[in-house]
C-alpha atoms as a PDB file:
ATOM      1  CA  UNK A   1      -0.083   0.179   0.041  1.00  0.00           C
ATOM      2  CA  UNK A   2       1.266   3.608  -1.135  1.00  0.00           C
ATOM      3  CA  UNK A   3       0.761   5.144   2.262  1.00  0.00           C
ATOM      4  CA  UNK A   4       2.348   2.510   4.206  1.00  0.00           C
ATOM      5  CA  UNK A   5       5.636   2.501   2.038  1.00  0.00           C
ATOM      6  CA  UNK A   6       5.567   6.454   2.495  1.00  0.00           C
ATOM      7  CA  UNK A   7       5.220   6.224   6.196  1.00  0.00           C
ATOM      8  CA  UNK A   8       8.409   3.677   6.175  1.00  0.00           C
ATOM      9  CA  UNK A   9      10.130   6.028   4.151  1.00  0.00           C
ATOM     10  CA  UNK A  10       9.330   8.977   6.669  1.00  0.00           C
ATOM     11  CA  UNK A  11      10.579   6.819   9.434  1.00  0.00           C
ATOM     12  CA  UNK A  12      13.800   5.951   7.627  1.00  0.00           C
ATOM     13  CA  UNK A  13      14.094   9.556   7.115  1.00  0.00           C
ATOM     14  CA  UNK A  14      13.952  10.110  10.901  1.00  0.00           C
ATOM     15  CA  UNK A  15      16.458   7.329  11.502  1.00  0.00           C
ATOM     16  CA  UNK A  16      18.824   8.833   9.034  1.00  0.00           C
ATOM     17  CA  UNK A  17      18.513  12.099  10.564  1.00  0.00           C
ATOM     18  CA  UNK A  18      18.827  10.981  13.944  1.00  0.00           C
ATOM     19  CA  UNK A  19      21.988   9.010  13.499  1.00  0.00           C
ATOM     20  CA  UNK A  20      23.579  11.967  11.632  1.00  0.00           C
ATOM     21  CA  UNK A  21      22.930  14.361  14.503  1.00  0.00           C
ATOM     22  CA  UNK A  22      23.652  12.029  17.537  1.00  0.00           C
ATOM     23  CA  UNK A  23      27.269  11.830  16.062  1.00  0.00           C
ATOM     24  CA  UNK A  24      27.579  15.661  16.180  1.00  0.00           C
ATOM     25  CA  UNK A  25      25.658  16.774  19.352  1.00  0.00           C
ATOM     26  CA  UNK A  26      24.611  13.718  21.587  1.00  0.00           C
ATOM     27  CA  UNK A  27      23.435  15.623  24.390  1.00  0.00           C
ATOM     28  CA  UNK A  28      20.665  17.889  22.937  1.00  0.00           C
ATOM     29  CA  UNK A  29      18.516  15.055  21.333  1.00  0.00           C
ATOM     30  CA  UNK A  30      17.597  16.686  18.241  1.00  0.00           C
ATOM     31  CA  UNK A  31      16.611  15.406  15.125  1.00  0.00           C
ATOM     32  CA  UNK A  32      17.829  16.789  11.902  1.00  0.00           C
ATOM     33  CA  UNK A  33      15.740  16.230   8.486  1.00  0.00           C
ATOM     34  CA  UNK A  34      16.017  17.476   5.144  1.00  0.00           C
ATOM     35  CA  UNK A  35      12.972  19.798   5.085  1.00  0.00           C
ATOM     36  CA  UNK A  36      12.420  19.548   1.431  1.00  0.00           C
ATOM     37  CA  UNK A  37      12.333  15.927   1.334  1.00  0.00           C
ATOM     38  CA  UNK A  38      10.195  15.721   4.619  1.00  0.00           C
ATOM     39  CA  UNK A  39       7.475  18.247   2.950  1.00  0.00           C
ATOM     40  CA  UNK A  40       7.755  16.327  -0.311  1.00  0.00           C
ATOM     41  CA  UNK A  41       6.839  12.947   1.776  1.00  0.00           C
ATOM     42  CA  UNK A  42       4.057  14.625   3.344  1.00  0.00           C
ATOM     43  CA  UNK A  43       2.752  16.002   0.147  1.00  0.00           C
ATOM     44  CA  UNK A  44       2.994  12.581  -1.119  1.00  0.00           C
ATOM     45  CA  UNK A  45       1.028  11.373   1.713  1.00  0.00           C
ATOM     46  CA  UNK A  46      -1.632  13.694   1.467  1.00  0.00           C
ATOM     47  CA  UNK A  47      -2.174  12.905  -2.009  1.00  0.00           C
ATOM     48  CA  UNK A  48      -2.509   9.173  -1.076  1.00  0.00           C
ATOM     49  CA  UNK A  49      -4.935   9.900   1.606  1.00  0.00           C
ATOM     50  CA  UNK A  50      -8.200  10.350  -0.514  1.00  0.00           C
ATOM     51  CA  UNK A  51      -7.662   6.940  -2.023  1.00  0.00           C
ATOM     52  CA  UNK A  52      -7.775   5.439   1.451  1.00  0.00           C
ATOM     53  CA  UNK A  53     -10.889   7.812   2.127  1.00  0.00           C
ATOM     54  CA  UNK A  54     -12.414   6.774  -1.200  1.00  0.00           C
ATOM     55  CA  UNK A  55     -12.114   3.074   0.033  1.00  0.00           C
ATOM     56  CA  UNK A  56     -13.823   3.508   3.104  1.00  0.00           C
ATOM     57  CA  UNK A  57     -16.792   5.242   1.555  1.00  0.00           C
ATOM     58  CA  UNK A  58     -16.927   2.287  -0.885  1.00  0.00           C
ATOM     59  CA  UNK A  59     -16.999   0.150   2.086  1.00  0.00           C
ATOM     60  CA  UNK A  60     -19.563   1.934   3.826  1.00  0.00           C
ATOM     61  CA  UNK A  61     -21.798   1.792   0.612  1.00  0.00           C
ATOM     62  CA  UNK A  62     -21.079  -1.664   0.211  1.00  0.00           C
ATOM     63  CA  UNK A  63     -22.122  -2.179   3.714  1.00  0.00           C
ATOM     64  CA  UNK A  64     -25.435  -0.494   3.286  1.00  0.00           C
ATOM     65  CA  UNK A  65     -25.952  -2.376   0.053  1.00  0.00           C
ATOM     66  CA  UNK A  66     -25.525  -5.643   1.702  1.00  0.00           C
ATOM     67  CA  UNK A  67     -27.940  -4.439   4.656  1.00  0.00           C
ATOM     68  CA  UNK A  68     -30.700  -3.330   2.138  1.00  0.00           C
ATOM     69  CA  UNK A  69     -30.190  -6.819   0.472  1.00  0.00           C
ATOM     70  CA  UNK A  70     -30.604  -8.583   3.874  1.00  0.00           C
ATOM     71  CA  UNK A  71     -33.923  -6.585   4.656  1.00  0.00           C
ATOM     72  CA  UNK A  72     -35.218  -7.282   1.085  1.00  0.00           C
ATOM     73  CA  UNK A  73     -34.746 -10.993   1.214  1.00  0.00           C
ATOM     74  CA  UNK A  74     -35.826 -11.364   4.792  1.00  0.00           C
ATOM     75  CA  UNK A  75     -39.191  -9.295   3.509  1.00  0.00           C
ATOM     76  CA  UNK A  76     -39.612 -11.712   0.476  1.00  0.00           C
ATOM     77  CA  UNK A  77     -39.524 -14.727   2.792  1.00  0.00           C
ATOM     78  CA  UNK A  78     -41.839 -12.899   5.214  1.00  0.00           C
ATOM     79  CA  UNK A  79     -44.011 -12.316   2.292  1.00  0.00           C
ATOM     80  CA  UNK A  80     -43.780 -15.703   0.772  1.00  0.00           C
ATOM     81  CA  UNK A  81     -44.653 -17.356   3.996  1.00  0.00           C
ATOM     82  CA  UNK A  82     -47.816 -15.034   4.552  1.00  0.00           C
ATOM     83  CA  UNK A  83     -48.945 -16.121   1.246  1.00  0.00           C
ATOM     84  CA  UNK A  84     -48.433 -19.649   2.070  1.00  0.00           C
ATOM     85  CA  UNK A  85     -50.187 -19.389   5.188  1.00  0.00           C
ATOM     86  CA  UNK A  86     -53.528 -17.707   3.460  1.00  0.00           C
ATOM     87  CA  UNK A  87     -53.347 -20.550   0.666  1.00  0.00           C
ATOM     88  CA  UNK A  88     -53.336 -23.225   3.216  1.00  0.00           C
ATOM     89  CA  UNK A  89     -56.271 -21.845   5.448  1.00  0.00           C
ATOM     90  CA  UNK A  90     -59.170 -23.911   3.634  1.00  0.00           C
ATOM     91  CA  UNK A  91     -59.575 -26.381   6.579  1.00  0.00           C
ATOM     92  CA  UNK A  92     -58.551 -26.726  10.085  1.00  0.00           C
ATOM     93  CA  UNK A  93     -55.625 -29.248  10.089  1.00  0.00           C
ATOM     94  CA  UNK A  94     -54.370 -27.477   6.664  1.00  0.00           C
ATOM     95  CA  UNK A  95     -54.623 -24.279   8.739  1.00  0.00           C
ATOM     96  CA  UNK A  96     -52.456 -25.844  11.599  1.00  0.00           C
ATOM     97  CA  UNK A  97     -50.052 -27.177   9.091  1.00  0.00           C
ATOM     98  CA  UNK A  98     -49.834 -23.781   7.411  1.00  0.00           C
ATOM     99  CA  UNK A  99     -49.348 -22.093  10.532  1.00  0.00           C
ATOM    100  CA  UNK A 100     -46.641 -24.326  11.626  1.00  0.00           C
ATOM    101  CA  UNK A 101     -44.845 -23.938   8.282  1.00  0.00           C
ATOM    102  CA  UNK A 102     -45.142 -20.367   8.394  1.00  0.00           C
ATOM    103  CA  UNK A 103     -43.594 -19.957  11.957  1.00  0.00           C
ATOM    104  CA  UNK A 104     -40.850 -22.152  10.435  1.00  0.00           C
ATOM    105  CA  UNK A 105     -40.352 -20.064   7.237  1.00  0.00           C
ATOM    106  CA  UNK A 106     -40.289 -16.851   9.308  1.00  0.00           C
ATOM    107  CA  UNK A 107     -38.143 -18.039  11.631  1.00  0.00           C
ATOM    108  CA  UNK A 108     -35.689 -19.498   9.151  1.00  0.00           C
ATOM    109  CA  UNK A 109     -35.975 -16.178   7.209  1.00  0.00           C
ATOM    110  CA  UNK A 110     -35.008 -14.226  10.634  1.00  0.00           C
ATOM    111  CA  UNK A 111     -31.998 -16.723  11.265  1.00  0.00           C
ATOM    112  CA  UNK A 112     -31.008 -16.276   7.500  1.00  0.00           C
ATOM    113  CA  UNK A 113     -31.638 -12.345   7.679  1.00  0.00           C
ATOM    114  CA  UNK A 114     -29.506 -12.155  11.211  1.00  0.00           C
ATOM    115  CA  UNK A 115     -26.669 -14.353   9.726  1.00  0.00           C
ATOM    116  CA  UNK A 116     -26.408 -11.990   6.550  1.00  0.00           C
ATOM    117  CA  UNK A 117     -26.555  -8.821   8.799  1.00  0.00           C
ATOM    118  CA  UNK A 118     -24.058 -10.169  11.252  1.00  0.00           C
ATOM    119  CA  UNK A 119     -21.723 -11.248   8.410  1.00  0.00           C
ATOM    120  CA  UNK A 120     -21.874  -7.810   6.779  1.00  0.00           C
ATOM    121  CA  UNK A 121     -21.348  -5.815   9.774  1.00  0.00           C
ATOM    122  CA  UNK A 122     -18.353  -7.994  11.001  1.00  0.00           C
ATOM    123  CA  UNK A 123     -16.869  -7.582   7.403  1.00  0.00           C
ATOM    124  CA  UNK A 124     -17.616  -3.671   7.505  1.00  0.00           C
ATOM    125  CA  UNK A 125     -16.187  -3.481  10.972  1.00  0.00           C
ATOM    126  CA  UNK A 126     -12.969  -5.143  10.049  1.00  0.00           C
ATOM    127  CA  UNK A 127     -12.407  -2.820   6.932  1.00  0.00           C
ATOM    128  CA  UNK A 128     -13.009   0.013   9.209  1.00  0.00           C
ATOM    129  CA  UNK A 129     -10.614  -1.101  11.890  1.00  0.00           C
ATOM    130  CA  UNK A 130      -7.728  -1.496   9.384  1.00  0.00           C
ATOM    131  CA  UNK A 131      -8.348   1.954   8.206  1.00  0.00           C
ATOM    132  CA  UNK A 132      -8.671   3.296  11.318  1.00  0.00           C
ATOM    133  CA  UNK A 133      -5.191   1.795  12.386  1.00  0.00           C
ATOM    134  CA  UNK A 134      -3.759   2.951   9.042  1.00  0.00           C
ATOM    135  CA  UNK A 135      -5.015   6.378   9.774  1.00  0.00           C
ATOM    136  CA  UNK A 136      -3.889   6.233  13.361  1.00  0.00           C
ATOM    137  CA  UNK A 137      -0.317   5.397  12.175  1.00  0.00           C
ATOM    138  CA  UNK A 138      -0.501   8.219   9.761  1.00  0.00           C
ATOM    139  CA  UNK A 139      -1.184  10.517  12.537  1.00  0.00           C
ATOM    140  CA  UNK A 140       1.050   9.139  14.919  1.00  0.00           C
ATOM    141  CA  UNK A 141       3.639   9.542  12.522  1.00  0.00           C
ATOM    142  CA  UNK A 142       2.911  13.292  11.661  1.00  0.00           C
ATOM    143  CA  UNK A 143       2.776  13.920  15.241  1.00  0.00           C
ATOM    144  CA  UNK A 144       6.025  12.687  15.995  1.00  0.00           C
ATOM    145  CA  UNK A 145       7.661  14.183  12.936  1.00  0.00           C
ATOM    146  CA  UNK A 146       5.964  17.745  14.064  1.00  0.00           C
ATOM    147  CA  UNK A 147       7.261  17.338  17.511  1.00  0.00           C
ATOM    148  CA  UNK A 148      10.655  16.701  16.213  1.00  0.00           C
ATOM    149  CA  UNK A 149      10.762  19.579  13.710  1.00  0.00           C
ATOM    150  CA  UNK A 150       9.082  21.961  16.453  1.00  0.00           C
ATOM    151  CA  UNK A 151      12.158  20.963  18.912  1.00  0.00           C
ATOM    152  CA  UNK A 152      14.744  22.113  16.365  1.00  0.00           C
ATOM    153  CA  UNK A 153      16.735  25.178  16.756  1.00  0.00           C
ATOM    154  CA  UNK A 154      17.159  27.836  13.976  1.00  0.00           C
ATOM    155  CA  UNK A 155      18.058  26.459  10.743  1.00  0.00           C
ATOM    156  CA  UNK A 156      21.668  27.801  10.426  1.00  0.00           C
ATOM    157  CA  UNK A 157      23.328  25.253  13.216  1.00  0.00           C
ATOM    158  CA  UNK A 158      21.415  22.531  11.522  1.00  0.00           C
ATOM    159  CA  UNK A 159      22.975  23.142   8.279  1.00  0.00           C
ATOM    160  CA  UNK A 160      26.466  23.722   9.752  1.00  0.00           C
ATOM    161  CA  UNK A 161      26.251  20.557  11.800  1.00  0.00           C
ATOM    162  CA  UNK A 162      25.257  18.648   8.319  1.00  0.00           C
ATOM    163  CA  UNK A 163      28.214  20.204   6.629  1.00  0.00           C
ATOM    164  CA  UNK A 164      30.531  19.070   9.544  1.00  0.00           C
ATOM    165  CA  UNK A 165      28.952  15.502   9.232  1.00  0.00           C
ATOM    166  CA  UNK A 166      31.361  12.868   8.358  1.00  0.00           C
ATOM    167  CA  UNK A 167      30.124  10.712   5.301  1.00  0.00           C
ATOM    168  CA  UNK A 168      29.287   7.262   5.807  1.00  0.00           C
END
């Protein structure tokens, strides 16, 4: 997934900056990043987000469609049971049989409808939880990066520290 790859790159960027900084000034615990690369990465993350949001919207729509289909199927089963019950009302024995059959069909319809609803809800919940996890990790990474950037000193000492840094 592109967002996860971008987050991995952002983490690697932070780790590389952290190593370079600790080589020079280990007591200050500051992080040095290339601002252009960082902002380019944030822009790429933002352009990737709408795709994930679109996926979440599609999942929600699919869930609603599945729920509507389950309701429609339950209604068909219920209507069928009622029609069968009305046809079998001709005499007492047939009436008793019809009532029993109608109750069985209604119960079966409810069981099937509940199973379909539960399955659709569980599927949608899983998709939403995964999306929530992805978004949470993105948010956490952005917050950490903001903290790291806000705790940096003026830009000039950072550039000097980078210029003095030995090449690996």
